[in-house]
């Protein structure tokens, strides 16, 4: 009889503060989570699932119409394939690029985000091409139309 060792993935969630106020809306991150999923027969994850949402804490009567989010992951861990299972009202996958040992996945939210309002939650799945044990970090940078940008990094274990 073989015994299997199980370990729970560590998931970090970090709230963001805006870099600086701008003439437009002020975007803040409400949350950003990334966690391993879709495990293979060896118990190793074959994908990462990410989710996030943003709010407008800017001046009353200032509406944000577009938010662009760039998710950075290590190219040594993820494939260059387009994300799957992209969901969230107003959210769309825009592009993937590579550079400096990273993969950049770009998403865009389009709508009308009034002051003190929130976007819907963006969800996406990215395929892993390296499931060896270790620590992985991901950075999400969001920019608002006519406003500021915010950035955060989350780290978890595979």
C-alpha atoms as a PDB file:
ATOM      1  CA  UNK A   1       0.000   0.000   0.000  1.00  0.00           C
ATOM      2  CA  UNK A   2       1.344   3.431  -0.971  1.00  0.00           C
ATOM      3  CA  UNK A   3       0.853   6.499   1.106  1.00  0.00           C
ATOM      4  CA  UNK A   4       0.377   9.892  -0.469  1.00  0.00           C
ATOM      5  CA  UNK A   5       1.503  13.170   0.992  1.00  0.00           C
ATOM      6  CA  UNK A   6      -0.835  16.081   0.577  1.00  0.00           C
ATOM      7  CA  UNK A   7      -0.075  19.705   1.085  1.00  0.00           C
ATOM      8  CA  UNK A   8      -2.468  22.590   0.978  1.00  0.00           C
ATOM      9  CA  UNK A   9      -1.501  25.413  -1.377  1.00  0.00           C
ATOM     10  CA  UNK A  10      -0.708  28.713   0.264  1.00  0.00           C
ATOM     11  CA  UNK A  11      -2.691  31.560  -1.224  1.00  0.00           C
ATOM     12  CA  UNK A  12      -1.993  35.179  -0.457  1.00  0.00           C
ATOM     13  CA  UNK A  13      -4.480  37.978  -0.913  1.00  0.00           C
ATOM     14  CA  UNK A  14      -3.390  41.587  -0.689  1.00  0.00           C
ATOM     15  CA  UNK A  15      -5.485  44.769  -0.735  1.00  0.00           C
ATOM     16  CA  UNK A  16      -3.972  47.685  -2.627  1.00  0.00           C
ATOM     17  CA  UNK A  17      -3.795  51.384  -1.992  1.00  0.00           C
ATOM     18  CA  UNK A  18      -3.628  53.870  -4.861  1.00  0.00           C
ATOM     19  CA  UNK A  19      -0.209  55.266  -5.830  1.00  0.00           C
ATOM     20  CA  UNK A  20      -1.475  58.832  -6.061  1.00  0.00           C
ATOM     21  CA  UNK A  21      -4.643  60.729  -6.678  1.00  0.00           C
ATOM     22  CA  UNK A  22      -5.279  61.772 -10.248  1.00  0.00           C
ATOM     23  CA  UNK A  23      -7.710  64.048 -12.046  1.00  0.00           C
ATOM     24  CA  UNK A  24      -9.972  61.110 -12.880  1.00  0.00           C
ATOM     25  CA  UNK A  25     -11.292  58.335 -10.703  1.00  0.00           C
ATOM     26  CA  UNK A  26      -9.079  56.699  -8.112  1.00  0.00           C
ATOM     27  CA  UNK A  27      -8.854  52.949  -8.596  1.00  0.00           C
ATOM     28  CA  UNK A  28      -8.207  50.574  -5.701  1.00  0.00           C
ATOM     29  CA  UNK A  29      -7.978  46.818  -5.668  1.00  0.00           C
ATOM     30  CA  UNK A  30     -10.617  45.115  -3.602  1.00  0.00           C
ATOM     31  CA  UNK A  31      -8.797  41.771  -3.824  1.00  0.00           C
ATOM     32  CA  UNK A  32      -6.403  39.720  -5.961  1.00  0.00           C
ATOM     33  CA  UNK A  33      -6.103  35.958  -5.500  1.00  0.00           C
ATOM     34  CA  UNK A  34      -4.243  33.306  -7.485  1.00  0.00           C
ATOM     35  CA  UNK A  35      -4.252  29.617  -6.614  1.00  0.00           C
ATOM     36  CA  UNK A  36      -3.226  26.309  -8.206  1.00  0.00           C
ATOM     37  CA  UNK A  37      -6.004  24.109  -9.628  1.00  0.00           C
ATOM     38  CA  UNK A  38      -6.802  21.200 -11.983  1.00  0.00           C
ATOM     39  CA  UNK A  39      -4.483  18.622 -10.421  1.00  0.00           C
ATOM     40  CA  UNK A  40      -2.917  15.778 -12.452  1.00  0.00           C
ATOM     41  CA  UNK A  41      -2.627  12.112 -11.409  1.00  0.00           C
ATOM     42  CA  UNK A  42       0.593  12.888  -9.521  1.00  0.00           C
ATOM     43  CA  UNK A  43      -1.229  15.485  -7.434  1.00  0.00           C
ATOM     44  CA  UNK A  44       0.492  18.435  -9.132  1.00  0.00           C
ATOM     45  CA  UNK A  45      -1.529  21.455 -10.335  1.00  0.00           C
ATOM     46  CA  UNK A  46      -1.836  21.942 -14.094  1.00  0.00           C
ATOM     47  CA  UNK A  47      -3.398  25.410 -13.998  1.00  0.00           C
ATOM     48  CA  UNK A  48      -3.634  28.609 -12.003  1.00  0.00           C
ATOM     49  CA  UNK A  49      -6.942  30.299 -11.287  1.00  0.00           C
ATOM     50  CA  UNK A  50      -6.928  34.040 -10.716  1.00  0.00           C
ATOM     51  CA  UNK A  51      -9.626  36.443  -9.577  1.00  0.00           C
ATOM     52  CA  UNK A  52      -9.765  40.147  -8.768  1.00  0.00           C
ATOM     53  CA  UNK A  53     -12.019  43.171  -8.595  1.00  0.00           C
ATOM     54  CA  UNK A  54     -11.548  46.914  -8.354  1.00  0.00           C
ATOM     55  CA  UNK A  55     -13.329  49.926  -6.937  1.00  0.00           C
ATOM     56  CA  UNK A  56     -13.460  53.655  -7.653  1.00  0.00           C
ATOM     57  CA  UNK A  57     -12.811  55.688  -4.513  1.00  0.00           C
ATOM     58  CA  UNK A  58     -12.393  58.929  -6.447  1.00  0.00           C
ATOM     59  CA  UNK A  59     -14.236  62.178  -6.358  1.00  0.00           C
ATOM     60  CA  UNK A  60     -18.022  62.089  -6.492  1.00  0.00           C
ATOM     61  CA  UNK A  61     -19.386  62.417 -10.034  1.00  0.00           C
ATOM     62  CA  UNK A  62     -16.138  61.045 -11.547  1.00  0.00           C
ATOM     63  CA  UNK A  63     -16.731  57.844 -13.504  1.00  0.00           C
ATOM     64  CA  UNK A  64     -14.093  55.378 -14.699  1.00  0.00           C
ATOM     65  CA  UNK A  65     -14.895  53.884 -18.110  1.00  0.00           C
ATOM     66  CA  UNK A  66     -11.900  51.594 -18.712  1.00  0.00           C
ATOM     67  CA  UNK A  67      -9.543  49.592 -16.498  1.00  0.00           C
ATOM     68  CA  UNK A  68      -6.573  47.745 -17.984  1.00  0.00           C
ATOM     69  CA  UNK A  69      -5.010  44.973 -15.894  1.00  0.00           C
ATOM     70  CA  UNK A  70      -1.669  43.320 -16.664  1.00  0.00           C
ATOM     71  CA  UNK A  71      -1.021  40.045 -14.827  1.00  0.00           C
ATOM     72  CA  UNK A  72       2.667  39.067 -14.771  1.00  0.00           C
ATOM     73  CA  UNK A  73       3.677  35.431 -14.206  1.00  0.00           C
ATOM     74  CA  UNK A  74       7.039  33.661 -14.616  1.00  0.00           C
ATOM     75  CA  UNK A  75       7.456  32.297 -18.162  1.00  0.00           C
ATOM     76  CA  UNK A  76       9.213  29.283 -16.645  1.00  0.00           C
ATOM     77  CA  UNK A  77       5.916  28.286 -14.992  1.00  0.00           C
ATOM     78  CA  UNK A  78       3.098  29.214 -17.384  1.00  0.00           C
ATOM     79  CA  UNK A  79       2.466  28.548 -21.043  1.00  0.00           C
ATOM     80  CA  UNK A  80       1.986  31.371 -23.509  1.00  0.00           C
ATOM     81  CA  UNK A  81      -1.517  30.137 -24.324  1.00  0.00           C
ATOM     82  CA  UNK A  82      -4.436  32.509 -23.924  1.00  0.00           C
ATOM     83  CA  UNK A  83      -6.198  32.325 -20.559  1.00  0.00           C
ATOM     84  CA  UNK A  84      -9.376  30.256 -20.444  1.00  0.00           C
ATOM     85  CA  UNK A  85     -12.554  30.604 -18.405  1.00  0.00           C
ATOM     86  CA  UNK A  86     -12.370  34.409 -18.536  1.00  0.00           C
ATOM     87  CA  UNK A  87     -15.542  35.619 -16.837  1.00  0.00           C
ATOM     88  CA  UNK A  88     -16.896  38.781 -15.285  1.00  0.00           C
ATOM     89  CA  UNK A  89     -19.338  41.379 -16.601  1.00  0.00           C
ATOM     90  CA  UNK A  90     -17.444  43.984 -18.630  1.00  0.00           C
ATOM     91  CA  UNK A  91     -14.143  42.033 -18.585  1.00  0.00           C
ATOM     92  CA  UNK A  92     -12.326  40.759 -21.689  1.00  0.00           C
ATOM     93  CA  UNK A  93      -8.973  39.104 -22.331  1.00  0.00           C
ATOM     94  CA  UNK A  94      -6.887  41.420 -24.537  1.00  0.00           C
ATOM     95  CA  UNK A  95      -3.435  39.912 -25.201  1.00  0.00           C
ATOM     96  CA  UNK A  96      -0.470  37.819 -24.081  1.00  0.00           C
ATOM     97  CA  UNK A  97       3.163  38.812 -24.496  1.00  0.00           C
ATOM     98  CA  UNK A  98       6.543  37.678 -23.173  1.00  0.00           C
ATOM     99  CA  UNK A  99       9.637  39.492 -22.048  1.00  0.00           C
ATOM    100  CA  UNK A 100      12.339  39.398 -19.412  1.00  0.00           C
ATOM    101  CA  UNK A 101      11.449  35.883 -18.293  1.00  0.00           C
ATOM    102  CA  UNK A 102       7.781  36.743 -17.741  1.00  0.00           C
ATOM    103  CA  UNK A 103       4.436  36.272 -19.443  1.00  0.00           C
ATOM    104  CA  UNK A 104       2.099  39.245 -19.460  1.00  0.00           C
ATOM    105  CA  UNK A 105      -1.633  38.585 -19.668  1.00  0.00           C
ATOM    106  CA  UNK A 106      -3.693  41.727 -20.328  1.00  0.00           C
ATOM    107  CA  UNK A 107      -7.394  42.100 -19.464  1.00  0.00           C
ATOM    108  CA  UNK A 108      -9.675  45.107 -19.985  1.00  0.00           C
ATOM    109  CA  UNK A 109     -12.816  46.136 -18.159  1.00  0.00           C
ATOM    110  CA  UNK A 110     -15.174  48.499 -19.960  1.00  0.00           C
ATOM    111  CA  UNK A 111     -18.253  50.036 -18.411  1.00  0.00           C
ATOM    112  CA  UNK A 112     -19.339  52.863 -16.163  1.00  0.00           C
ATOM    113  CA  UNK A 113     -17.768  52.729 -12.712  1.00  0.00           C
ATOM    114  CA  UNK A 114     -19.050  55.615 -10.575  1.00  0.00           C
ATOM    115  CA  UNK A 115     -17.308  56.899  -7.463  1.00  0.00           C
ATOM    116  CA  UNK A 116     -17.584  54.315  -4.676  1.00  0.00           C
ATOM    117  CA  UNK A 117     -18.679  51.661  -7.199  1.00  0.00           C
ATOM    118  CA  UNK A 118     -17.053  48.277  -7.887  1.00  0.00           C
ATOM    119  CA  UNK A 119     -16.328  46.248 -10.987  1.00  0.00           C
ATOM    120  CA  UNK A 120     -17.572  42.715 -11.313  1.00  0.00           C
ATOM    121  CA  UNK A 121     -15.059  40.043 -10.376  1.00  0.00           C
ATOM    122  CA  UNK A 122     -12.598  39.050 -13.123  1.00  0.00           C
ATOM    123  CA  UNK A 123     -11.869  35.304 -13.159  1.00  0.00           C
ATOM    124  CA  UNK A 124      -9.379  33.526 -15.408  1.00  0.00           C
ATOM    125  CA  UNK A 125      -7.397  30.285 -15.729  1.00  0.00           C
ATOM    126  CA  UNK A 126      -3.813  30.028 -17.016  1.00  0.00           C
ATOM    127  CA  UNK A 127      -2.167  26.710 -17.952  1.00  0.00           C
ATOM    128  CA  UNK A 128       0.983  25.669 -16.078  1.00  0.00           C
ATOM    129  CA  UNK A 129       3.857  24.117 -18.011  1.00  0.00           C
ATOM    130  CA  UNK A 130       6.090  23.539 -14.961  1.00  0.00           C
ATOM    131  CA  UNK A 131       4.455  21.882 -11.961  1.00  0.00           C
ATOM    132  CA  UNK A 132       7.583  21.224  -9.927  1.00  0.00           C
ATOM    133  CA  UNK A 133       7.352  22.210  -6.256  1.00  0.00           C
ATOM    134  CA  UNK A 134       8.352  25.744  -5.383  1.00  0.00           C
ATOM    135  CA  UNK A 135       7.184  29.266  -4.764  1.00  0.00           C
ATOM    136  CA  UNK A 136       5.513  31.300  -7.497  1.00  0.00           C
ATOM    137  CA  UNK A 137       4.767  35.026  -7.536  1.00  0.00           C
ATOM    138  CA  UNK A 138       2.333  36.992  -9.659  1.00  0.00           C
ATOM    139  CA  UNK A 139       1.975  40.740 -10.011  1.00  0.00           C
ATOM    140  CA  UNK A 140      -1.203  42.473 -11.158  1.00  0.00           C
ATOM    141  CA  UNK A 141      -1.037  46.102 -12.266  1.00  0.00           C
ATOM    142  CA  UNK A 142      -4.269  47.953 -12.987  1.00  0.00           C
ATOM    143  CA  UNK A 143      -4.634  51.349 -14.655  1.00  0.00           C
ATOM    144  CA  UNK A 144      -7.822  53.408 -14.790  1.00  0.00           C
ATOM    145  CA  UNK A 145      -8.813  55.666 -17.665  1.00  0.00           C
ATOM    146  CA  UNK A 146      -8.069  59.232 -16.603  1.00  0.00           C
ATOM    147  CA  UNK A 147      -6.923  58.034 -13.201  1.00  0.00           C
ATOM    148  CA  UNK A 148      -4.142  56.299 -11.331  1.00  0.00           C
ATOM    149  CA  UNK A 149      -2.645  52.821 -11.331  1.00  0.00           C
ATOM    150  CA  UNK A 150      -2.189  50.247  -8.574  1.00  0.00           C
ATOM    151  CA  UNK A 151      -0.007  47.175  -8.349  1.00  0.00           C
ATOM    152  CA  UNK A 152       0.364  44.196  -6.016  1.00  0.00           C
ATOM    153  CA  UNK A 153       2.192  40.894  -5.856  1.00  0.00           C
ATOM    154  CA  UNK A 154       0.875  37.628  -4.440  1.00  0.00           C
ATOM    155  CA  UNK A 155       3.017  34.565  -3.714  1.00  0.00           C
ATOM    156  CA  UNK A 156       1.953  30.956  -3.236  1.00  0.00           C
ATOM    157  CA  UNK A 157       3.462  27.470  -3.135  1.00  0.00           C
ATOM    158  CA  UNK A 158       3.057  24.691  -5.653  1.00  0.00           C
END
